[in-house]
């Protein structure tokens, strides 16, 4: 049973890491830049840059949210 949980935890960690590392590709493929809302910026070029950075950060946070439970579970399993 421990081996199964270790493998599942490692798989969850790898998926989270892949989401974080491929954030630029995911943003480009899913066109997430256009869906971002930023208020108070007048310059169009800097607005597009900020939208792109915001979209990448959201995807990286989702990747971290996937990675951390797997890492915590792996830590708890291997500590015992």
N, C-alpha and C. Protein backbone atom coordinates (compact mmCIF):
# COMPACT_ATOMS: atom_id res chain seq x y z
N UNK A 1 0.83 -1.20 0.00
CA UNK A 1 0.00 0.00 0.00
C UNK A 1 0.87 1.26 0.00
N UNK A 2 1.97 1.20 0.76
CA UNK A 2 2.87 2.36 0.78
C UNK A 2 3.48 2.63 -0.58
N UNK A 3 3.82 1.57 -1.29
CA UNK A 3 4.41 1.74 -2.62
C UNK A 3 3.43 2.43 -3.56
N UNK A 4 2.17 2.02 -3.50
CA UNK A 4 1.14 2.64 -4.33
C UNK A 4 1.00 4.13 -4.02
N UNK A 5 0.96 4.47 -2.73
CA UNK A 5 0.83 5.88 -2.35
C UNK A 5 2.06 6.69 -2.74
N UNK A 6 3.22 6.09 -2.65
CA UNK A 6 4.45 6.78 -3.06
C UNK A 6 4.42 7.06 -4.56
N UNK A 7 4.00 6.07 -5.34
CA UNK A 7 3.94 6.26 -6.79
C UNK A 7 2.92 7.33 -7.16
N UNK A 8 1.75 7.31 -6.53
CA UNK A 8 0.72 8.32 -6.80
C UNK A 8 1.22 9.71 -6.41
N UNK A 9 1.90 9.82 -5.28
CA UNK A 9 2.44 11.11 -4.85
C UNK A 9 3.48 11.64 -5.83
N UNK A 10 4.34 10.77 -6.31
CA UNK A 10 5.36 11.19 -7.28
C UNK A 10 4.70 11.62 -8.58
N UNK A 11 3.68 10.89 -9.02
CA UNK A 11 2.97 11.26 -10.25
C UNK A 11 2.32 12.63 -10.11
N UNK A 12 1.69 12.89 -8.97
CA UNK A 12 1.06 14.20 -8.73
C UNK A 12 2.12 15.30 -8.73
N UNK A 13 3.26 15.04 -8.11
CA UNK A 13 4.35 16.02 -8.11
C UNK A 13 4.86 16.30 -9.52
N UNK A 14 5.02 15.26 -10.31
CA UNK A 14 5.51 15.43 -11.68
C UNK A 14 4.50 16.21 -12.52
N UNK A 15 3.22 15.92 -12.36
CA UNK A 15 2.20 16.66 -13.11
C UNK A 15 2.22 18.14 -12.72
N UNK A 16 2.31 18.43 -11.43
CA UNK A 16 2.38 19.83 -11.00
C UNK A 16 3.61 20.54 -11.51
N UNK A 17 4.74 19.84 -11.51
CA UNK A 17 5.97 20.44 -12.03
C UNK A 17 5.87 20.69 -13.53
N UNK A 18 5.28 19.75 -14.26
CA UNK A 18 5.11 19.94 -15.71
C UNK A 18 4.21 21.12 -16.02
N UNK A 19 3.15 21.29 -15.24
CA UNK A 19 2.26 22.44 -15.45
C UNK A 19 3.03 23.74 -15.21
N UNK A 20 3.84 23.78 -14.17
CA UNK A 20 4.61 24.99 -13.89
C UNK A 20 5.67 25.26 -14.95
N UNK A 21 6.37 24.21 -15.38
CA UNK A 21 7.45 24.41 -16.34
C UNK A 21 6.95 24.71 -17.75
N UNK A 22 5.76 24.25 -18.09
CA UNK A 22 5.22 24.51 -19.43
C UNK A 22 4.17 25.61 -19.41
N UNK A 23 4.26 26.52 -18.47
CA UNK A 23 3.25 27.58 -18.32
C UNK A 23 3.17 28.46 -19.56
N UNK A 24 4.31 28.82 -20.15
CA UNK A 24 4.27 29.67 -21.34
C UNK A 24 3.55 28.98 -22.49
N UNK A 25 3.82 27.70 -22.68
CA UNK A 25 3.17 26.95 -23.74
C UNK A 25 1.66 26.84 -23.49
N UNK A 26 1.27 26.60 -22.25
CA UNK A 26 -0.15 26.48 -21.91
C UNK A 26 -0.87 27.80 -22.15
N UNK A 27 -0.25 28.91 -21.75
CA UNK A 27 -0.86 30.22 -21.96
C UNK A 27 -1.03 30.50 -23.44
N UNK A 28 -0.02 30.18 -24.21
CA UNK A 28 -0.08 30.43 -25.66
C UNK A 28 -1.12 29.53 -26.32
N UNK A 29 -1.14 28.25 -25.96
CA UNK A 29 -2.02 27.28 -26.59
C UNK A 29 -3.49 27.55 -26.26
N UNK A 30 -3.78 27.94 -25.02
CA UNK A 30 -5.15 28.17 -24.59
C UNK A 30 -5.59 29.62 -24.73
N UNK A 31 -4.69 30.49 -25.21
CA UNK A 31 -4.99 31.90 -25.43
C UNK A 31 -5.49 32.57 -24.14
N UNK A 32 -4.80 32.34 -23.04
CA UNK A 32 -5.20 32.89 -21.75
C UNK A 32 -4.85 34.36 -21.59
N UNK A 33 -3.96 34.88 -22.44
CA UNK A 33 -3.57 36.28 -22.34
C UNK A 33 -4.75 37.20 -22.60
N UNK A 34 -5.59 36.84 -23.55
CA UNK A 34 -6.73 37.68 -23.92
C UNK A 34 -7.80 37.70 -22.83
N UNK A 35 -7.83 36.71 -21.96
CA UNK A 35 -8.87 36.61 -20.94
C UNK A 35 -8.53 37.37 -19.66
N UNK A 36 -7.34 37.93 -19.56
CA UNK A 36 -6.92 38.64 -18.36
C UNK A 36 -7.46 40.06 -18.36
N UNK A 37 -7.79 40.58 -17.19
CA UNK A 37 -8.30 41.94 -17.04
C UNK A 37 -7.34 42.71 -16.13
N UNK A 38 -6.82 43.81 -16.65
CA UNK A 38 -5.94 44.69 -15.87
C UNK A 38 -6.47 46.10 -16.02
N UNK A 39 -6.70 46.77 -14.90
CA UNK A 39 -7.24 48.12 -14.93
C UNK A 39 -6.16 49.14 -14.59
N UNK A 40 -6.29 50.33 -15.13
CA UNK A 40 -5.42 51.44 -14.76
C UNK A 40 -4.17 51.59 -15.60
N UNK A 41 -4.03 50.83 -16.67
CA UNK A 41 -2.86 50.93 -17.54
C UNK A 41 -3.31 51.47 -18.89
N UNK A 42 -2.67 52.57 -19.34
CA UNK A 42 -3.06 53.18 -20.60
C UNK A 42 -2.21 52.71 -21.78
N UNK A 43 -0.95 52.43 -21.54
CA UNK A 43 -0.04 52.02 -22.61
C UNK A 43 -0.38 50.61 -23.09
N UNK A 44 -0.71 50.47 -24.36
CA UNK A 44 -1.17 49.19 -24.91
C UNK A 44 -0.07 48.12 -24.89
N UNK A 45 1.17 48.51 -25.18
CA UNK A 45 2.26 47.53 -25.21
C UNK A 45 2.54 46.97 -23.82
N UNK A 46 2.59 47.83 -22.83
CA UNK A 46 2.82 47.34 -21.47
C UNK A 46 1.61 46.58 -20.95
N UNK A 47 0.42 46.94 -21.43
CA UNK A 47 -0.79 46.22 -21.02
C UNK A 47 -0.75 44.77 -21.51
N UNK A 48 -0.35 44.57 -22.75
CA UNK A 48 -0.25 43.21 -23.29
C UNK A 48 0.82 42.41 -22.55
N UNK A 49 1.93 43.05 -22.22
CA UNK A 49 2.99 42.38 -21.48
C UNK A 49 2.51 41.98 -20.08
N UNK A 50 1.80 42.87 -19.42
CA UNK A 50 1.28 42.56 -18.09
C UNK A 50 0.24 41.45 -18.13
N UNK A 51 -0.61 41.46 -19.15
CA UNK A 51 -1.61 40.40 -19.29
C UNK A 51 -0.93 39.05 -19.48
N UNK A 52 0.12 39.04 -20.29
CA UNK A 52 0.85 37.79 -20.52
C UNK A 52 1.52 37.29 -19.24
N UNK A 53 2.14 38.19 -18.50
CA UNK A 53 2.79 37.82 -17.24
C UNK A 53 1.78 37.33 -16.21
N UNK A 54 0.62 37.99 -16.16
CA UNK A 54 -0.42 37.60 -15.21
C UNK A 54 -0.95 36.21 -15.54
N UNK A 55 -1.15 35.93 -16.82
CA UNK A 55 -1.64 34.62 -17.23
C UNK A 55 -0.62 33.53 -16.89
N UNK A 56 0.66 33.81 -17.13
CA UNK A 56 1.71 32.83 -16.81
C UNK A 56 1.76 32.59 -15.30
N UNK A 57 1.65 33.63 -14.50
CA UNK A 57 1.70 33.47 -13.05
C UNK A 57 0.52 32.65 -12.54
N UNK A 58 -0.66 32.85 -13.13
CA UNK A 58 -1.82 32.06 -12.70
C UNK A 58 -1.62 30.58 -13.00
N UNK A 59 -1.07 30.28 -14.17
CA UNK A 59 -0.82 28.88 -14.53
C UNK A 59 0.26 28.29 -13.61
N UNK A 60 1.29 29.06 -13.30
CA UNK A 60 2.34 28.57 -12.40
C UNK A 60 1.80 28.33 -10.98
N UNK A 61 0.88 29.18 -10.53
CA UNK A 61 0.27 28.96 -9.22
C UNK A 61 -0.59 27.70 -9.20
N UNK A 62 -1.28 27.44 -10.29
CA UNK A 62 -2.06 26.21 -10.39
C UNK A 62 -1.12 25.00 -10.35
N UNK A 63 0.00 25.10 -11.05
CA UNK A 63 0.99 24.03 -11.02
C UNK A 63 1.54 23.80 -9.62
N UNK A 64 1.79 24.88 -8.90
CA UNK A 64 2.27 24.75 -7.52
C UNK A 64 1.20 24.15 -6.62
N UNK A 65 -0.07 24.51 -6.87
CA UNK A 65 -1.17 23.95 -6.08
C UNK A 65 -1.33 22.45 -6.34
N UNK A 66 -0.96 22.00 -7.52
CA UNK A 66 -0.99 20.56 -7.81
C UNK A 66 0.24 19.87 -7.21
N UNK A 67 1.39 20.52 -7.27
CA UNK A 67 2.65 19.94 -6.82
C UNK A 67 2.71 19.76 -5.30
N UNK A 68 2.28 20.76 -4.56
CA UNK A 68 2.45 20.74 -3.11
C UNK A 68 1.73 19.60 -2.39
N UNK A 69 0.46 19.28 -2.69
CA UNK A 69 -0.15 18.14 -1.99
C UNK A 69 0.59 16.82 -2.23
N UNK A 70 1.07 16.64 -3.44
CA UNK A 70 1.85 15.43 -3.71
C UNK A 70 3.13 15.39 -2.91
N UNK A 71 3.80 16.53 -2.81
CA UNK A 71 5.05 16.58 -2.05
C UNK A 71 4.79 16.40 -0.56
N UNK A 72 3.73 16.99 -0.05
CA UNK A 72 3.40 16.83 1.37
C UNK A 72 3.05 15.38 1.67
N UNK A 73 2.26 14.76 0.80
CA UNK A 73 1.92 13.35 1.00
C UNK A 73 3.16 12.47 0.94
N UNK A 74 4.05 12.76 0.01
CA UNK A 74 5.30 11.99 -0.10
C UNK A 74 6.15 12.16 1.16
N UNK A 75 6.21 13.37 1.68
CA UNK A 75 6.97 13.63 2.91
C UNK A 75 6.39 12.84 4.09
N UNK A 76 5.07 12.87 4.21
CA UNK A 76 4.43 12.17 5.33
C UNK A 76 4.62 10.66 5.21
N UNK A 77 4.49 10.14 4.00
CA UNK A 77 4.63 8.69 3.80
C UNK A 77 6.06 8.24 4.10
N UNK A 78 7.04 8.97 3.62
CA UNK A 78 8.43 8.55 3.80
C UNK A 78 8.97 8.85 5.20
N UNK A 79 8.31 9.75 5.91
CA UNK A 79 8.74 10.08 7.27
C UNK A 79 8.40 8.94 8.23
N UNK A 80 7.32 8.28 8.00
CA UNK A 80 6.84 7.22 8.90
C UNK A 80 7.62 5.94 8.75
